C-alpha atoms as a PDB file:
ATOM      1  CA  MET A   1       0.000   0.000   0.000  1.00  0.00           C
ATOM      2  CA  LYS A   2       1.387   3.354  -1.004  1.00  0.00           C
ATOM      3  CA  ILE A   3       0.938   6.247   1.411  1.00  0.00           C
ATOM      4  CA  ILE A   4       0.746   9.701  -0.096  1.00  0.00           C
ATOM      5  CA  ASN A   5       2.848  12.306   1.664  1.00  0.00           C
ATOM      6  CA  PRO A   6       2.236  15.798   0.298  1.00  0.00           C
ATOM      7  CA  THR A   7       5.244  17.951  -0.537  1.00  0.00           C
ATOM      8  CA  ALA A   8       5.877  20.730   1.961  1.00  0.00           C
ATOM      9  CA  LYS A   9       4.074  23.900   0.993  1.00  0.00           C
ATOM     10  CA  LYS A  10       4.408  27.035   3.126  1.00  0.00           C
ATOM     11  CA  ILE A  11       2.462  30.278   3.083  1.00  0.00           C
ATOM     12  CA  ASN A  12       3.362  33.582   4.694  1.00  0.00           C
ATOM     13  CA  PHE A  13      -0.024  34.457   6.153  1.00  0.00           C
ATOM     14  CA  GLY A  14      -0.050  37.948   7.636  1.00  0.00           C
ATOM     15  CA  GLY A  15       3.574  37.619   8.728  1.00  0.00           C
ATOM     16  CA  GLU A  16       3.268  34.091  10.118  1.00  0.00           C
ATOM     17  CA  ILE A  17       4.541  31.009   8.291  1.00  0.00           C
ATOM     18  CA  VAL A  18       1.993  28.221   7.877  1.00  0.00           C
ATOM     19  CA  GLU A  19       2.466  24.740   6.378  1.00  0.00           C
ATOM     20  CA  VAL A  20      -0.533  24.003   4.175  1.00  0.00           C
ATOM     21  CA  ALA A  21       0.375  20.828   2.289  1.00  0.00           C
ATOM     22  CA  PHE A  22      -2.059  18.804   4.417  1.00  0.00           C
ATOM     23  CA  VAL A  23      -5.671  19.933   4.689  1.00  0.00           C
ATOM     24  CA  PRO A  24      -7.918  17.693   6.781  1.00  0.00           C
ATOM     25  CA  ALA A  25     -10.765  16.152   4.769  1.00  0.00           C
ATOM     26  CA  LYS A  26     -13.263  17.670   7.213  1.00  0.00           C
ATOM     27  CA  VAL A  27     -12.079  21.166   6.233  1.00  0.00           C
ATOM     28  CA  THR A  28     -12.491  20.429   2.523  1.00  0.00           C
ATOM     29  CA  LEU A  29     -15.987  19.051   3.099  1.00  0.00           C
ATOM     30  CA  ASP A  30     -16.927  21.995   5.322  1.00  0.00           C
ATOM     31  CA  ALA A  31     -15.659  24.431   2.660  1.00  0.00           C
ATOM     32  CA  ALA A  32     -17.855  22.759   0.045  1.00  0.00           C
ATOM     33  CA  LYS A  33     -20.851  22.935   2.403  1.00  0.00           C
ATOM     34  CA  VAL A  34     -20.271  26.649   3.058  1.00  0.00           C
ATOM     35  CA  SER A  35     -19.837  27.356  -0.650  1.00  0.00           C
ATOM     36  CA  ASP A  36     -23.073  25.545  -1.481  1.00  0.00           C
ATOM     37  CA  GLY A  37     -24.930  27.285   1.356  1.00  0.00           C
ATOM     38  CA  MET A  38     -23.756  30.713   0.236  1.00  0.00           C
ATOM     39  CA  LYS A  39     -24.707  30.025  -3.397  1.00  0.00           C
ATOM     40  CA  ASN A  40     -28.192  28.727  -2.675  1.00  0.00           C
ATOM     41  CA  GLY A  41     -28.938  31.256   0.083  1.00  0.00           C
ATOM     42  CA  THR A  42     -29.299  28.817   2.981  1.00  0.00           C
ATOM     43  CA  MET A  43     -26.250  30.285   4.753  1.00  0.00           C
ATOM     44  CA  SER A  44     -25.707  33.973   5.487  1.00  0.00           C
ATOM     45  CA  GLU A  45     -22.440  35.749   4.735  1.00  0.00           C
ATOM     46  CA  TYR A  46     -21.915  36.054   8.496  1.00  0.00           C
ATOM     47  CA  GLU A  47     -22.353  32.306   9.034  1.00  0.00           C
ATOM     48  CA  GLY A  48     -20.028  31.558   6.124  1.00  0.00           C
ATOM     49  CA  SER A  49     -17.395  33.925   7.505  1.00  0.00           C
ATOM     50  CA  GLU A  50     -17.619  32.340  10.954  1.00  0.00           C
ATOM     51  CA  GLN A  51     -17.153  28.891   9.404  1.00  0.00           C
ATOM     52  CA  MET A  52     -14.173  30.182   7.407  1.00  0.00           C
ATOM     53  CA  LEU A  53     -12.499  31.317  10.654  1.00  0.00           C
ATOM     54  CA  VAL A  54     -12.896  27.812  12.092  1.00  0.00           C
ATOM     55  CA  MET A  55     -11.549  26.165   8.927  1.00  0.00           C
ATOM     56  CA  ILE A  56      -8.504  28.442   8.708  1.00  0.00           C
ATOM     57  CA  GLU A  57      -7.707  27.955  12.386  1.00  0.00           C
ATOM     58  CA  THR A  58      -7.933  24.170  11.916  1.00  0.00           C
ATOM     59  CA  ILE A  59      -5.534  24.252   8.964  1.00  0.00           C
ATOM     60  CA  CYS A  60      -3.049  26.648  10.566  1.00  0.00           C
ATOM     61  CA  LYS A  61      -2.852  25.347  14.127  1.00  0.00           C
ATOM     62  CA  LYS A  62      -1.122  22.139  13.023  1.00  0.00           C
ATOM     63  CA  SER A  63       2.005  24.049  11.990  1.00  0.00           C
ATOM     64  CA  ASN A  64       1.574  27.396  13.771  1.00  0.00           C
ATOM     65  CA  PRO A  65      -0.411  27.320  17.027  1.00  0.00           C
ATOM     66  CA  LEU A  66      -0.197  31.125  17.251  1.00  0.00           C
ATOM     67  CA  ILE A  67      -2.883  31.414  14.576  1.00  0.00           C
ATOM     68  CA  THR A  68      -6.165  31.184  16.447  1.00  0.00           C
ATOM     69  CA  ARG A  69      -9.614  32.597  15.777  1.00  0.00           C
ATOM     70  CA  ASP A  70      -8.709  35.675  17.851  1.00  0.00           C
ATOM     71  CA  TRP A  71      -5.396  36.118  15.973  1.00  0.00           C
ATOM     72  CA  LEU A  72      -7.251  35.938  12.657  1.00  0.00           C
ATOM     73  CA  LEU A  73      -9.804  38.537  13.764  1.00  0.00           C
ATOM     74  CA  GLU A  74      -7.013  40.937  14.751  1.00  0.00           C
ATOM     75  CA  ASN A  75      -4.443  40.272  12.001  1.00  0.00           C
ATOM     76  CA  ALA A  76      -6.213  39.134   8.841  1.00  0.00           C
ATOM     77  CA  SER A  77      -8.646  40.827   6.519  1.00  0.00           C
ATOM     78  CA  MET A  78     -11.597  39.010   4.991  1.00  0.00           C
ATOM     79  CA  GLN A  79      -9.842  39.249   1.623  1.00  0.00           C
ATOM     80  CA  MET A  80      -6.726  37.566   3.052  1.00  0.00           C
ATOM     81  CA  MET A  81      -8.802  34.774   4.536  1.00  0.00           C
ATOM     82  CA  THR A  82     -10.771  34.277   1.320  1.00  0.00           C
ATOM     83  CA  GLU A  83      -7.555  34.123  -0.736  1.00  0.00           C
ATOM     84  CA  PHE A  84      -6.075  31.681   1.787  1.00  0.00           C
ATOM     85  CA  MET A  85      -9.053  29.338   1.490  1.00  0.00           C
ATOM     86  CA  GLU A  86      -9.108  29.561  -2.301  1.00  0.00           C
ATOM     87  CA  TYR A  87      -5.406  28.702  -2.457  1.00  0.00           C
ATOM     88  CA  VAL A  88      -5.372  25.979   0.181  1.00  0.00           C
ATOM     89  CA  VAL A  89      -8.661  24.191  -0.506  1.00  0.00           C
ATOM     90  CA  GLY A  90      -8.764  24.953  -4.211  1.00  0.00           C
ATOM     91  CA  GLY A  91      -5.153  23.864  -4.621  1.00  0.00           C
ATOM     92  CA  PRO A  92      -2.622  25.600  -6.831  1.00  0.00           C
ATOM     93  CA  SER A  93      -2.132  24.207 -10.309  1.00  0.00           C
ATOM     94  CA  ASP A  94       1.573  24.998 -10.317  1.00  0.00           C
ATOM     95  CA  SER A  95       4.389  23.740  -8.110  1.00  0.00           C
ATOM     96  CA  VAL A  96       4.936  26.912  -6.098  1.00  0.00           C
ATOM     97  CA  LYS A  97       6.367  25.968  -2.714  1.00  0.00           C
ATOM     98  CA  THR A  98       6.018  29.302  -0.903  1.00  0.00           C
ATOM     99  CA  THR A  99       3.251  31.833  -1.310  1.00  0.00           C
ATOM    100  CA  GLN A 100       2.594  35.066   0.512  1.00  0.00           C
ATOM    101  CA  VAL A 101      -0.928  35.925   1.611  1.00  0.00           C
ATOM    102  CA  GLY A 102      -1.297  39.409   3.056  1.00  0.00           C
ATOM    103  CA  ASN A 103       1.386  41.657   4.445  1.00  0.00           C
ATOM    104  CA  SER A 104       4.629  39.864   5.289  1.00  0.00           C
ATOM    105  CA  GLU A 105       5.618  42.452   7.894  1.00  0.00           C
ATOM    106  CA  LYS A 106       4.427  42.039  11.462  1.00  0.00           C
ATOM    107  CA  ASN A 107       2.763  45.042  13.094  1.00  0.00           C
END
């Protein structure tokens, strides 16, 4: 049996480095559910944004425990979080190993 080990992929997310090669299946499924709910009107933008915070925290805390829901609310814009989810869950088509999301300088 062959086990798939994703290649390391790091993102500079608001000045913090996050490893995003592994995304738990639950996060991918939750992202699809939120996307569907937003499209068909069964989920409000607020509810979708709250779910996005949870998903990003879940992805980030494995490699950078500093990134919590509170950290995201203080240090990330909605655009940064949306771009993060599109990149991480959508998956890049190229082999870029490091990507910067948001400002790389810490405040």
